[in-house]
């Protein structure tokens, strides 16, 4: 919540305190490792959005290591149902936020819809990859990812202003790219 209220320093302090407390448990169970990995991912993304590259990359590296032995499918009822694939998806977002589209796409190269249990997470995978492709200047790949997002979770494209802006930019700059007309229709814009 603090990050969304544009208080990244307070958010980072708060989550680092929590990370230290969870780490102090010895991380003996998958549930503890899941909580730890989730906190590291959140901290990493918060640091990336605040422009703290070193902290973001360090925390993401720790999250990858913490999630390495977690199951590919989180057990039913797990408070923090993070999986190695979910950590990779966070890594896509962290690298995108740091302005490194190539690293974002590399982090997401093995991601597949079947790794995510909900339509929202599958849609988020596609929108995050789409943002990375857009950041890299690849209109065709951006449109393909955003169309995939529309197909699995239309709200991930239609209801997120940043993603709607990419669709608008695609429509105005690349109207002939395959799928742009369909995307514009999906968000309620004329192509």
N, C-alpha and C. Protein backbone atom coordinates (compact mmCIF):
# COMPACT_ATOMS: atom_id res chain seq x y z
N UNK A 1 0.82 -1.18 0.00
CA UNK A 1 0.00 0.00 0.00
C UNK A 1 0.88 1.26 0.00
N UNK A 2 1.95 1.23 0.75
CA UNK A 2 2.83 2.40 0.79
C UNK A 2 3.42 2.70 -0.58
N UNK A 3 3.76 1.65 -1.34
CA UNK A 3 4.31 1.86 -2.67
C UNK A 3 3.29 2.55 -3.56
N UNK A 4 2.03 2.12 -3.47
CA UNK A 4 0.97 2.71 -4.29
C UNK A 4 0.63 4.13 -3.85
N UNK A 5 1.01 4.49 -2.63
CA UNK A 5 0.81 5.85 -2.14
C UNK A 5 2.06 6.71 -2.38
N UNK A 6 2.95 6.23 -3.27
CA UNK A 6 4.16 6.95 -3.64
C UNK A 6 5.06 7.22 -2.44
N UNK A 7 5.21 6.20 -1.57
CA UNK A 7 6.11 6.27 -0.43
C UNK A 7 7.08 5.08 -0.49
N UNK A 8 7.91 5.02 -1.54
CA UNK A 8 8.76 3.84 -1.72
C UNK A 8 9.76 3.61 -0.59
N UNK A 9 10.30 4.66 -0.02
CA UNK A 9 11.29 4.49 1.05
C UNK A 9 10.63 3.86 2.28
N UNK A 10 9.46 4.33 2.65
CA UNK A 10 8.75 3.75 3.79
C UNK A 10 8.35 2.31 3.49
N UNK A 11 7.91 2.06 2.27
CA UNK A 11 7.53 0.69 1.88
C UNK A 11 8.74 -0.24 1.98
N UNK A 12 9.87 0.23 1.51
CA UNK A 12 11.07 -0.60 1.53
C UNK A 12 11.52 -0.88 2.97
N UNK A 13 11.51 0.13 3.82
CA UNK A 13 11.89 -0.08 5.23
C UNK A 13 10.96 -1.09 5.89
N UNK A 14 9.68 -0.94 5.66
CA UNK A 14 8.69 -1.83 6.27
C UNK A 14 8.91 -3.27 5.82
N UNK A 15 9.07 -3.48 4.55
CA UNK A 15 9.20 -4.85 4.04
C UNK A 15 10.55 -5.44 4.42
N UNK A 16 11.61 -4.64 4.47
CA UNK A 16 12.91 -5.17 4.89
C UNK A 16 12.88 -5.63 6.34
N UNK A 17 12.16 -4.90 7.18
CA UNK A 17 12.00 -5.35 8.57
C UNK A 17 11.28 -6.70 8.61
N UNK A 18 10.23 -6.83 7.82
CA UNK A 18 9.48 -8.09 7.79
C UNK A 18 10.33 -9.22 7.23
N UNK A 19 11.12 -8.94 6.19
CA UNK A 19 12.01 -9.96 5.60
C UNK A 19 12.98 -10.47 6.67
N UNK A 20 13.55 -9.55 7.43
CA UNK A 20 14.50 -9.94 8.47
C UNK A 20 13.83 -10.84 9.51
N UNK A 21 12.60 -10.50 9.88
CA UNK A 21 11.89 -11.32 10.86
C UNK A 21 11.59 -12.71 10.32
N UNK A 22 11.14 -12.81 9.08
CA UNK A 22 10.84 -14.11 8.49
C UNK A 22 12.12 -14.91 8.32
N UNK A 23 13.18 -14.25 7.87
CA UNK A 23 14.46 -14.94 7.69
C UNK A 23 14.95 -15.51 9.03
N UNK A 24 14.64 -14.81 10.11
CA UNK A 24 15.03 -15.24 11.45
C UNK A 24 14.38 -16.55 11.89
N UNK A 25 13.36 -16.99 11.19
CA UNK A 25 12.72 -18.27 11.54
C UNK A 25 13.59 -19.45 11.13
N UNK A 26 14.59 -19.21 10.30
CA UNK A 26 15.41 -20.29 9.79
C UNK A 26 14.88 -20.89 8.51
N UNK A 27 13.70 -20.44 8.09
CA UNK A 27 13.10 -20.88 6.83
C UNK A 27 13.11 -22.41 6.72
N UNK A 28 12.52 -23.06 7.71
CA UNK A 28 12.54 -24.51 7.75
C UNK A 28 11.42 -25.17 6.97
N UNK A 29 10.38 -24.42 6.62
CA UNK A 29 9.24 -25.03 5.91
C UNK A 29 9.03 -24.32 4.57
N UNK A 30 8.32 -25.01 3.68
CA UNK A 30 7.97 -24.38 2.40
C UNK A 30 7.13 -23.13 2.62
N UNK A 31 6.25 -23.15 3.61
CA UNK A 31 5.41 -21.98 3.88
C UNK A 31 6.28 -20.78 4.27
N UNK A 32 7.30 -21.02 5.10
CA UNK A 32 8.20 -19.93 5.48
C UNK A 32 9.02 -19.45 4.28
N UNK A 33 9.50 -20.40 3.48
CA UNK A 33 10.26 -20.03 2.28
C UNK A 33 9.38 -19.26 1.29
N UNK A 34 8.10 -19.65 1.20
CA UNK A 34 7.16 -18.93 0.32
C UNK A 34 6.97 -17.49 0.79
N UNK A 35 6.75 -17.32 2.08
CA UNK A 35 6.57 -15.97 2.62
C UNK A 35 7.82 -15.13 2.37
N UNK A 36 8.96 -15.73 2.60
CA UNK A 36 10.24 -15.04 2.40
C UNK A 36 10.42 -14.64 0.93
N UNK A 37 10.19 -15.57 0.03
CA UNK A 37 10.34 -15.28 -1.40
C UNK A 37 9.37 -14.18 -1.83
N UNK A 38 8.13 -14.23 -1.35
CA UNK A 38 7.15 -13.20 -1.69
C UNK A 38 7.61 -11.83 -1.21
N UNK A 39 8.10 -11.77 0.01
CA UNK A 39 8.57 -10.49 0.55
C UNK A 39 9.76 -9.96 -0.26
N UNK A 40 10.66 -10.86 -0.63
CA UNK A 40 11.81 -10.43 -1.42
C UNK A 40 11.37 -9.90 -2.78
N UNK A 41 10.40 -10.57 -3.40
CA UNK A 41 9.89 -10.10 -4.69
C UNK A 41 9.28 -8.71 -4.56
N UNK A 42 8.47 -8.54 -3.54
CA UNK A 42 7.82 -7.25 -3.31
C UNK A 42 8.85 -6.16 -3.06
N UNK A 43 9.84 -6.48 -2.25
CA UNK A 43 10.91 -5.52 -1.96
C UNK A 43 11.69 -5.17 -3.22
N UNK A 44 11.98 -6.19 -4.00
CA UNK A 44 12.72 -5.97 -5.23
C UNK A 44 11.97 -5.04 -6.17
N UNK A 45 10.66 -5.30 -6.35
CA UNK A 45 9.88 -4.46 -7.25
C UNK A 45 9.77 -3.03 -6.71
N UNK A 46 9.59 -2.91 -5.41
CA UNK A 46 9.52 -1.58 -4.79
C UNK A 46 10.82 -0.82 -5.03
N UNK A 47 11.94 -1.49 -4.84
CA UNK A 47 13.24 -0.86 -5.06
C UNK A 47 13.42 -0.48 -6.53
N UNK A 48 12.99 -1.35 -7.43
CA UNK A 48 13.11 -1.06 -8.86
C UNK A 48 12.29 0.18 -9.22
N UNK A 49 11.06 0.25 -8.73
CA UNK A 49 10.21 1.41 -9.02
C UNK A 49 10.79 2.69 -8.44
N UNK A 50 11.56 2.56 -7.35
CA UNK A 50 12.20 3.73 -6.74
C UNK A 50 13.53 4.05 -7.40
N UNK A 51 13.96 3.23 -8.37
CA UNK A 51 15.21 3.48 -9.07
C UNK A 51 16.44 2.94 -8.37
N UNK A 52 16.26 2.10 -7.35
CA UNK A 52 17.39 1.54 -6.61
C UNK A 52 17.79 0.21 -7.25
N UNK A 53 18.54 0.29 -8.32
CA UNK A 53 18.91 -0.88 -9.13
C UNK A 53 19.63 -1.95 -8.30
N UNK A 54 20.64 -1.55 -7.53
CA UNK A 54 21.42 -2.53 -6.78
C UNK A 54 20.55 -3.31 -5.80
N UNK A 55 19.72 -2.59 -5.06
CA UNK A 55 18.83 -3.25 -4.09
C UNK A 55 17.83 -4.15 -4.81
N UNK A 56 17.27 -3.67 -5.91
CA UNK A 56 16.28 -4.46 -6.65
C UNK A 56 16.89 -5.76 -7.15
N UNK A 57 18.06 -5.69 -7.73
CA UNK A 57 18.69 -6.89 -8.28
C UNK A 57 19.15 -7.84 -7.18
N UNK A 58 19.65 -7.29 -6.07
CA UNK A 58 20.06 -8.15 -4.95
C UNK A 58 18.86 -8.90 -4.38
N UNK A 59 17.77 -8.19 -4.16
CA UNK A 59 16.57 -8.83 -3.60
C UNK A 59 16.00 -9.86 -4.57
N UNK A 60 16.03 -9.56 -5.87
CA UNK A 60 15.51 -10.52 -6.85
C UNK A 60 16.38 -11.77 -6.88
N UNK A 61 17.67 -11.60 -6.79
CA UNK A 61 18.56 -12.76 -6.73
C UNK A 61 18.26 -13.63 -5.51
N UNK A 62 18.03 -12.97 -4.37
CA UNK A 62 17.68 -13.71 -3.16
C UNK A 62 16.33 -14.42 -3.32
N UNK A 63 15.38 -13.77 -3.99
CA UNK A 63 14.06 -14.38 -4.19
C UNK A 63 14.16 -15.62 -5.07
N UNK A 64 14.96 -15.53 -6.12
CA UNK A 64 15.15 -16.68 -7.01
C UNK A 64 15.73 -17.85 -6.22
N UNK A 65 16.74 -17.58 -5.39
CA UNK A 65 17.34 -18.64 -4.58
C UNK A 65 16.33 -19.20 -3.57
N UNK A 66 15.55 -18.33 -2.94
CA UNK A 66 14.57 -18.78 -1.94
C UNK A 66 13.48 -19.65 -2.57
N UNK A 67 13.14 -19.37 -3.81
CA UNK A 67 12.05 -20.10 -4.47
C UNK A 67 12.51 -21.35 -5.20
N UNK A 68 13.80 -21.53 -5.31
CA UNK A 68 14.36 -22.62 -6.12
C UNK A 68 13.76 -23.98 -5.76
N UNK A 69 13.56 -24.25 -4.48
CA UNK A 69 13.08 -25.57 -4.05
C UNK A 69 11.58 -25.59 -3.74
N UNK A 70 10.90 -24.51 -4.03
CA UNK A 70 9.45 -24.49 -3.80
C UNK A 70 8.75 -25.32 -4.88
N UNK A 71 7.58 -25.86 -4.57
CA UNK A 71 6.85 -26.64 -5.58
C UNK A 71 6.38 -25.75 -6.73
N UNK A 72 6.25 -26.37 -7.91
CA UNK A 72 5.79 -25.65 -9.10
C UNK A 72 4.32 -25.24 -8.98
N UNK A 73 3.58 -25.94 -8.14
CA UNK A 73 2.18 -25.60 -7.87
C UNK A 73 2.06 -25.42 -6.36
N UNK A 74 1.62 -24.24 -5.95
CA UNK A 74 1.49 -23.96 -4.52
C UNK A 74 0.35 -24.79 -3.93
N UNK A 75 0.55 -25.33 -2.73
CA UNK A 75 -0.51 -26.09 -2.09
C UNK A 75 -1.75 -25.23 -1.85
N UNK A 76 -2.90 -25.86 -1.93
CA UNK A 76 -4.18 -25.18 -1.67
C UNK A 76 -4.13 -24.53 -0.29
N UNK A 77 -4.56 -23.28 -0.22
CA UNK A 77 -4.64 -22.59 1.05
C UNK A 77 -3.36 -21.92 1.51
N UNK A 78 -2.29 -22.02 0.76
CA UNK A 78 -1.02 -21.39 1.14
C UNK A 78 -1.21 -19.88 1.17
N UNK A 79 -0.83 -19.25 2.28
CA UNK A 79 -0.99 -17.81 2.45
C UNK A 79 -0.24 -17.04 1.36
N UNK A 80 0.98 -17.46 1.08
CA UNK A 80 1.79 -16.84 0.02
C UNK A 80 2.04 -17.92 -1.03
N UNK A 81 1.15 -18.03 -2.02
CA UNK A 81 1.24 -19.14 -2.98
C UNK A 81 2.24 -18.88 -4.11
N UNK A 82 3.43 -18.46 -3.73
CA UNK A 82 4.44 -18.14 -4.75
C UNK A 82 5.13 -19.42 -5.22
N UNK A 83 5.47 -19.41 -6.47
CA UNK A 83 6.15 -20.54 -7.11
C UNK A 83 7.39 -20.00 -7.83
N UNK A 84 8.26 -20.88 -8.28
CA UNK A 84 9.40 -20.39 -9.06
C UNK A 84 8.96 -19.58 -10.28
N UNK A 85 7.89 -19.99 -10.95
CA UNK A 85 7.40 -19.23 -12.11
C UNK A 85 6.91 -17.84 -11.69
N UNK A 86 6.26 -17.74 -10.55
CA UNK A 86 5.79 -16.44 -10.07
C UNK A 86 6.97 -15.52 -9.77
N UNK A 87 8.05 -16.09 -9.25
CA UNK A 87 9.25 -15.29 -9.00
C UNK A 87 9.83 -14.80 -10.33
N UNK A 88 9.84 -15.68 -11.33
CA UNK A 88 10.32 -15.25 -12.65
C UNK A 88 9.46 -14.12 -13.21
N UNK A 89 8.15 -14.18 -12.98
CA UNK A 89 7.27 -13.11 -13.44
C UNK A 89 7.58 -11.81 -12.71
N UNK A 90 7.84 -11.87 -11.42
CA UNK A 90 8.27 -10.67 -10.70
C UNK A 90 9.57 -10.14 -11.31
N UNK A 91 10.47 -11.04 -11.67
CA UNK A 91 11.74 -10.62 -12.26
C UNK A 91 11.53 -9.86 -13.57
N UNK A 92 10.54 -10.30 -14.35
CA UNK A 92 10.20 -9.57 -15.57
C UNK A 92 9.84 -8.12 -15.20
N UNK A 93 8.97 -7.97 -14.21
CA UNK A 93 8.54 -6.63 -13.79
C UNK A 93 9.66 -5.79 -13.23
N UNK A 94 10.55 -6.41 -12.46
CA UNK A 94 11.68 -5.69 -11.88
C UNK A 94 12.59 -5.16 -12.98
N UNK A 95 12.94 -6.02 -13.92
CA UNK A 95 13.84 -5.57 -15.00
C UNK A 95 13.16 -4.52 -15.88
N UNK A 96 11.86 -4.70 -16.14
CA UNK A 96 11.14 -3.68 -16.90
C UNK A 96 11.20 -2.34 -16.16
N UNK A 97 10.92 -2.37 -14.85
CA UNK A 97 10.91 -1.13 -14.06
C UNK A 97 12.29 -0.47 -14.05
N UNK A 98 13.34 -1.28 -14.17
CA UNK A 98 14.70 -0.74 -14.21
C UNK A 98 15.10 -0.28 -15.60
N UNK A 99 14.20 -0.48 -16.58
CA UNK A 99 14.47 -0.03 -17.94
C UNK A 99 15.28 -1.01 -18.77
N UNK A 100 15.35 -2.26 -18.35
CA UNK A 100 16.14 -3.26 -19.05
C UNK A 100 15.23 -4.31 -19.69
N UNK A 101 14.68 -3.95 -20.85
CA UNK A 101 13.73 -4.83 -21.54
C UNK A 101 14.34 -6.17 -21.89
N UNK A 102 15.60 -6.19 -22.32
CA UNK A 102 16.24 -7.45 -22.68
C UNK A 102 16.31 -8.40 -21.50
N UNK A 103 16.70 -7.90 -20.34
CA UNK A 103 16.76 -8.75 -19.14
C UNK A 103 15.36 -9.18 -18.72
N UNK A 104 14.37 -8.31 -18.89
CA UNK A 104 12.99 -8.67 -18.55
C UNK A 104 12.52 -9.84 -19.42
N UNK A 105 12.78 -9.74 -20.71
CA UNK A 105 12.35 -10.81 -21.62
C UNK A 105 13.13 -12.09 -21.37
N UNK A 106 14.38 -11.98 -21.03
CA UNK A 106 15.18 -13.16 -20.68
C UNK A 106 14.61 -13.82 -19.42
N UNK A 107 14.24 -13.02 -18.42
CA UNK A 107 13.66 -13.57 -17.19
C UNK A 107 12.35 -14.31 -17.47
N UNK A 108 11.62 -13.85 -18.49
CA UNK A 108 10.33 -14.45 -18.79
C UNK A 108 10.32 -15.47 -19.91
N UNK A 109 11.48 -15.82 -20.43
CA UNK A 109 11.52 -16.69 -21.62
C UNK A 109 10.94 -18.07 -21.41
N UNK A 110 10.93 -18.58 -20.19
CA UNK A 110 10.39 -19.92 -19.92
C UNK A 110 8.97 -19.89 -19.36
N UNK A 111 8.40 -18.70 -19.21
CA UNK A 111 7.06 -18.60 -18.63
C UNK A 111 6.01 -19.08 -19.63
N UNK A 112 5.02 -19.80 -19.11
CA UNK A 112 3.89 -20.32 -19.89
C UNK A 112 2.63 -20.15 -19.07
N UNK A 113 1.51 -19.97 -19.77
CA UNK A 113 0.23 -19.78 -19.09
C UNK A 113 -0.06 -20.89 -18.07
N UNK A 114 0.26 -22.12 -18.42
CA UNK A 114 -0.05 -23.25 -17.55
C UNK A 114 0.64 -23.22 -16.20
N UNK A 115 1.60 -22.33 -16.03
CA UNK A 115 2.29 -22.21 -14.74
C UNK A 115 1.52 -21.36 -13.74
N UNK A 116 0.43 -20.75 -14.18
CA UNK A 116 -0.31 -19.83 -13.31
C UNK A 116 -1.74 -20.31 -13.16
N UNK A 117 -2.21 -20.35 -11.93
CA UNK A 117 -3.51 -20.95 -11.62
C UNK A 117 -4.70 -20.07 -11.98
N UNK A 118 -4.52 -18.76 -12.05
CA UNK A 118 -5.67 -17.88 -12.28
C UNK A 118 -5.54 -17.15 -13.60
N UNK A 119 -6.69 -16.79 -14.14
CA UNK A 119 -6.71 -16.02 -15.39
C UNK A 119 -6.01 -14.67 -15.19
N UNK A 120 -6.18 -14.08 -14.03
CA UNK A 120 -5.54 -12.79 -13.75
C UNK A 120 -4.02 -12.91 -13.83
N UNK A 121 -3.44 -13.96 -13.24
CA UNK A 121 -1.98 -14.13 -13.27
C UNK A 121 -1.50 -14.45 -14.69
N UNK A 122 -2.28 -15.23 -15.44
CA UNK A 122 -1.91 -15.52 -16.83
C UNK A 122 -1.95 -14.23 -17.64
N UNK A 123 -2.99 -13.43 -17.42
CA UNK A 123 -3.08 -12.14 -18.11
C UNK A 123 -1.94 -11.22 -17.73
N UNK A 124 -1.58 -11.22 -16.45
CA UNK A 124 -0.47 -10.37 -15.98
C UNK A 124 0.85 -10.80 -16.62
N UNK A 125 1.02 -12.11 -16.79
CA UNK A 125 2.22 -12.59 -17.46
C UNK A 125 2.32 -11.96 -18.85
N UNK A 126 1.21 -12.01 -19.58
CA UNK A 126 1.22 -11.46 -20.94
C UNK A 126 1.39 -9.94 -20.96
N UNK A 127 0.73 -9.23 -20.04
CA UNK A 127 0.88 -7.77 -20.05
C UNK A 127 2.29 -7.36 -19.65
N UNK A 128 2.88 -8.06 -18.68
CA UNK A 128 4.25 -7.72 -18.28
C UNK A 128 5.23 -7.98 -19.42
N UNK A 129 5.06 -9.11 -20.10
CA UNK A 129 5.91 -9.37 -21.26
C UNK A 129 5.64 -8.35 -22.37
N UNK A 130 4.38 -7.99 -22.56
CA UNK A 130 4.04 -6.97 -23.55
C UNK A 130 4.70 -5.63 -23.24
N UNK A 131 4.70 -5.25 -21.97
CA UNK A 131 5.37 -3.98 -21.59
C UNK A 131 6.86 -4.03 -21.89
N UNK A 132 7.47 -5.19 -21.65
CA UNK A 132 8.90 -5.32 -21.94
C UNK A 132 9.15 -5.23 -23.45
N UNK A 133 8.31 -5.91 -24.24
CA UNK A 133 8.47 -5.81 -25.70
C UNK A 133 8.28 -4.38 -26.17
N UNK A 134 7.30 -3.68 -25.59
CA UNK A 134 7.05 -2.29 -25.97
C UNK A 134 8.24 -1.41 -25.61
N UNK A 135 8.78 -1.64 -24.42
CA UNK A 135 9.95 -0.87 -23.99
C UNK A 135 11.12 -1.09 -24.95
N UNK A 136 11.19 -2.24 -25.53
CA UNK A 136 12.26 -2.58 -26.47
C UNK A 136 11.96 -2.10 -27.88
N UNK A 137 10.74 -1.59 -28.10
CA UNK A 137 10.38 -1.05 -29.40
C UNK A 137 9.88 -2.09 -30.39
N UNK A 138 9.36 -3.19 -29.90
CA UNK A 138 8.90 -4.29 -30.77
C UNK A 138 7.37 -4.33 -30.77
N UNK A 139 6.77 -3.62 -31.73
CA UNK A 139 5.31 -3.48 -31.79
C UNK A 139 4.60 -4.81 -32.03
N UNK A 140 5.13 -5.64 -32.92
CA UNK A 140 4.46 -6.91 -33.25
C UNK A 140 4.38 -7.83 -32.04
N UNK A 141 5.49 -7.96 -31.33
CA UNK A 141 5.52 -8.82 -30.14
C UNK A 141 4.66 -8.23 -29.03
N UNK A 142 4.65 -6.91 -28.92
CA UNK A 142 3.81 -6.25 -27.92
C UNK A 142 2.34 -6.57 -28.19
N UNK A 143 1.92 -6.39 -29.42
CA UNK A 143 0.52 -6.65 -29.78
C UNK A 143 0.16 -8.11 -29.53
N UNK A 144 1.05 -9.02 -29.88
CA UNK A 144 0.77 -10.45 -29.68
C UNK A 144 0.59 -10.77 -28.20
N UNK A 145 1.45 -10.23 -27.34
CA UNK A 145 1.32 -10.49 -25.89
C UNK A 145 0.04 -9.87 -25.34
N UNK A 146 -0.27 -8.65 -25.75
CA UNK A 146 -1.47 -8.00 -25.23
C UNK A 146 -2.73 -8.69 -25.73
N UNK A 147 -2.72 -9.19 -26.95
CA UNK A 147 -3.86 -9.97 -27.44
C UNK A 147 -4.02 -11.25 -26.64
N UNK A 148 -2.92 -11.90 -26.32
CA UNK A 148 -2.98 -13.09 -25.48
C UNK A 148 -3.58 -12.74 -24.11
N UNK A 149 -3.20 -11.59 -23.57
CA UNK A 149 -3.76 -11.16 -22.29
C UNK A 149 -5.26 -10.94 -22.39
N UNK A 150 -5.70 -10.30 -23.48
CA UNK A 150 -7.14 -10.07 -23.68
C UNK A 150 -7.89 -11.39 -23.70
N UNK A 151 -7.31 -12.38 -24.33
CA UNK A 151 -7.99 -13.67 -24.47
C UNK A 151 -8.13 -14.42 -23.15
N UNK A 152 -7.17 -14.24 -22.23
CA UNK A 152 -7.26 -14.97 -20.96
C UNK A 152 -7.84 -14.13 -19.83
N UNK A 153 -7.67 -12.82 -19.89
CA UNK A 153 -8.17 -11.95 -18.82
C UNK A 153 -8.34 -10.53 -19.37
N UNK A 154 -9.47 -10.26 -20.04
CA UNK A 154 -9.66 -8.96 -20.70
C UNK A 154 -9.43 -7.75 -19.79
N UNK A 155 -9.78 -7.87 -18.53
CA UNK A 155 -9.60 -6.75 -17.61
C UNK A 155 -8.16 -6.33 -17.41
N UNK A 156 -7.22 -7.27 -17.59
CA UNK A 156 -5.81 -6.93 -17.45
C UNK A 156 -5.35 -5.91 -18.50
N UNK A 157 -6.06 -5.86 -19.61
CA UNK A 157 -5.75 -4.88 -20.66
C UNK A 157 -6.72 -3.71 -20.57
N UNK A 158 -7.97 -4.01 -20.48
CA UNK A 158 -9.03 -2.99 -20.52
C UNK A 158 -9.01 -2.06 -19.31
N UNK A 159 -8.69 -2.60 -18.12
CA UNK A 159 -8.86 -1.83 -16.88
C UNK A 159 -7.57 -1.25 -16.30
N UNK A 160 -6.46 -1.45 -16.95
CA UNK A 160 -5.19 -0.93 -16.44
C UNK A 160 -4.75 0.25 -17.31
N UNK A 161 -4.74 1.46 -16.76
CA UNK A 161 -4.41 2.64 -17.56
C UNK A 161 -3.08 2.54 -18.31
N UNK A 162 -2.05 1.99 -17.68
CA UNK A 162 -0.75 1.90 -18.35
C UNK A 162 -0.81 0.99 -19.58
N UNK A 163 -1.58 -0.08 -19.47
CA UNK A 163 -1.70 -1.00 -20.60
C UNK A 163 -2.59 -0.39 -21.68
N UNK A 164 -3.66 0.27 -21.26
CA UNK A 164 -4.50 0.98 -22.23
C UNK A 164 -3.69 2.00 -23.01
N UNK A 165 -2.75 2.66 -22.35
CA UNK A 165 -1.91 3.65 -23.03
C UNK A 165 -1.04 2.99 -24.09
N UNK A 166 -0.51 1.81 -23.78
CA UNK A 166 0.29 1.09 -24.79
C UNK A 166 -0.59 0.76 -25.99
N UNK A 167 -1.82 0.31 -25.73
CA UNK A 167 -2.73 0.00 -26.84
C UNK A 167 -3.00 1.25 -27.66
N UNK A 168 -3.22 2.37 -27.00
CA UNK A 168 -3.45 3.63 -27.70
C UNK A 168 -2.23 4.02 -28.55
N UNK A 169 -1.05 3.85 -27.96
CA UNK A 169 0.18 4.16 -28.70
C UNK A 169 0.36 3.22 -29.89
N UNK A 170 0.07 1.94 -29.70
CA UNK A 170 0.14 0.99 -30.81
C UNK A 170 -0.81 1.42 -31.92
N UNK A 171 -2.03 1.78 -31.53
CA UNK A 171 -3.04 2.19 -32.51
C UNK A 171 -2.59 3.41 -33.30
N UNK A 172 -1.98 4.38 -32.63
CA UNK A 172 -1.59 5.60 -33.35
C UNK A 172 -0.27 5.45 -34.11
N UNK A 173 0.66 4.66 -33.59
CA UNK A 173 1.98 4.55 -34.23
C UNK A 173 2.13 3.34 -35.16
N UNK A 174 1.36 2.29 -34.87
CA UNK A 174 1.52 1.03 -35.62
C UNK A 174 0.15 0.43 -35.98
N UNK A 175 -0.69 1.20 -36.65
CA UNK A 175 -2.06 0.73 -36.90
C UNK A 175 -2.14 -0.51 -37.80
N UNK A 176 -1.12 -0.79 -38.56
CA UNK A 176 -1.16 -1.93 -39.48
C UNK A 176 -0.59 -3.21 -38.89
N UNK A 177 -0.06 -3.14 -37.69
CA UNK A 177 0.48 -4.34 -37.05
C UNK A 177 -0.67 -5.29 -36.74
N UNK A 178 -0.45 -6.57 -37.01
CA UNK A 178 -1.47 -7.59 -36.76
C UNK A 178 -1.94 -7.53 -35.30
N UNK A 179 -3.24 -7.48 -35.14
CA UNK A 179 -3.84 -7.51 -33.81
C UNK A 179 -4.13 -6.16 -33.19
N UNK A 180 -3.59 -5.09 -33.75
CA UNK A 180 -3.79 -3.77 -33.14
C UNK A 180 -5.26 -3.37 -33.21
N UNK A 181 -5.91 -3.62 -34.31
CA UNK A 181 -7.33 -3.28 -34.43
C UNK A 181 -8.16 -4.05 -33.39
N UNK A 182 -7.87 -5.31 -33.22
CA UNK A 182 -8.58 -6.13 -32.22
C UNK A 182 -8.33 -5.62 -30.81
N UNK A 183 -7.07 -5.26 -30.52
CA UNK A 183 -6.74 -4.70 -29.21
C UNK A 183 -7.52 -3.41 -28.95
N UNK A 184 -7.54 -2.53 -29.93
CA UNK A 184 -8.26 -1.27 -29.78
C UNK A 184 -9.72 -1.53 -29.48
N UNK A 185 -10.31 -2.50 -30.18
CA UNK A 185 -11.69 -2.87 -29.90
C UNK A 185 -11.88 -3.41 -28.50
N UNK A 186 -10.92 -4.17 -28.03
CA UNK A 186 -11.01 -4.77 -26.70
C UNK A 186 -10.99 -3.73 -25.59
N UNK A 187 -10.31 -2.61 -25.83
CA UNK A 187 -10.28 -1.56 -24.80
C UNK A 187 -11.28 -0.45 -25.08
N UNK A 188 -12.05 -0.63 -26.17
CA UNK A 188 -13.10 0.34 -26.47
C UNK A 188 -12.64 1.54 -27.25
N UNK A 189 -11.58 1.39 -28.05
CA UNK A 189 -11.08 2.49 -28.88
C UNK A 189 -11.31 2.14 -30.34
N UNK A 190 -11.54 3.12 -31.13
CA UNK A 190 -11.66 2.90 -32.58
C UNK A 190 -10.25 2.81 -33.17
N UNK A 191 -10.06 1.86 -34.06
CA UNK A 191 -8.73 1.72 -34.68
C UNK A 191 -8.66 2.53 -35.95
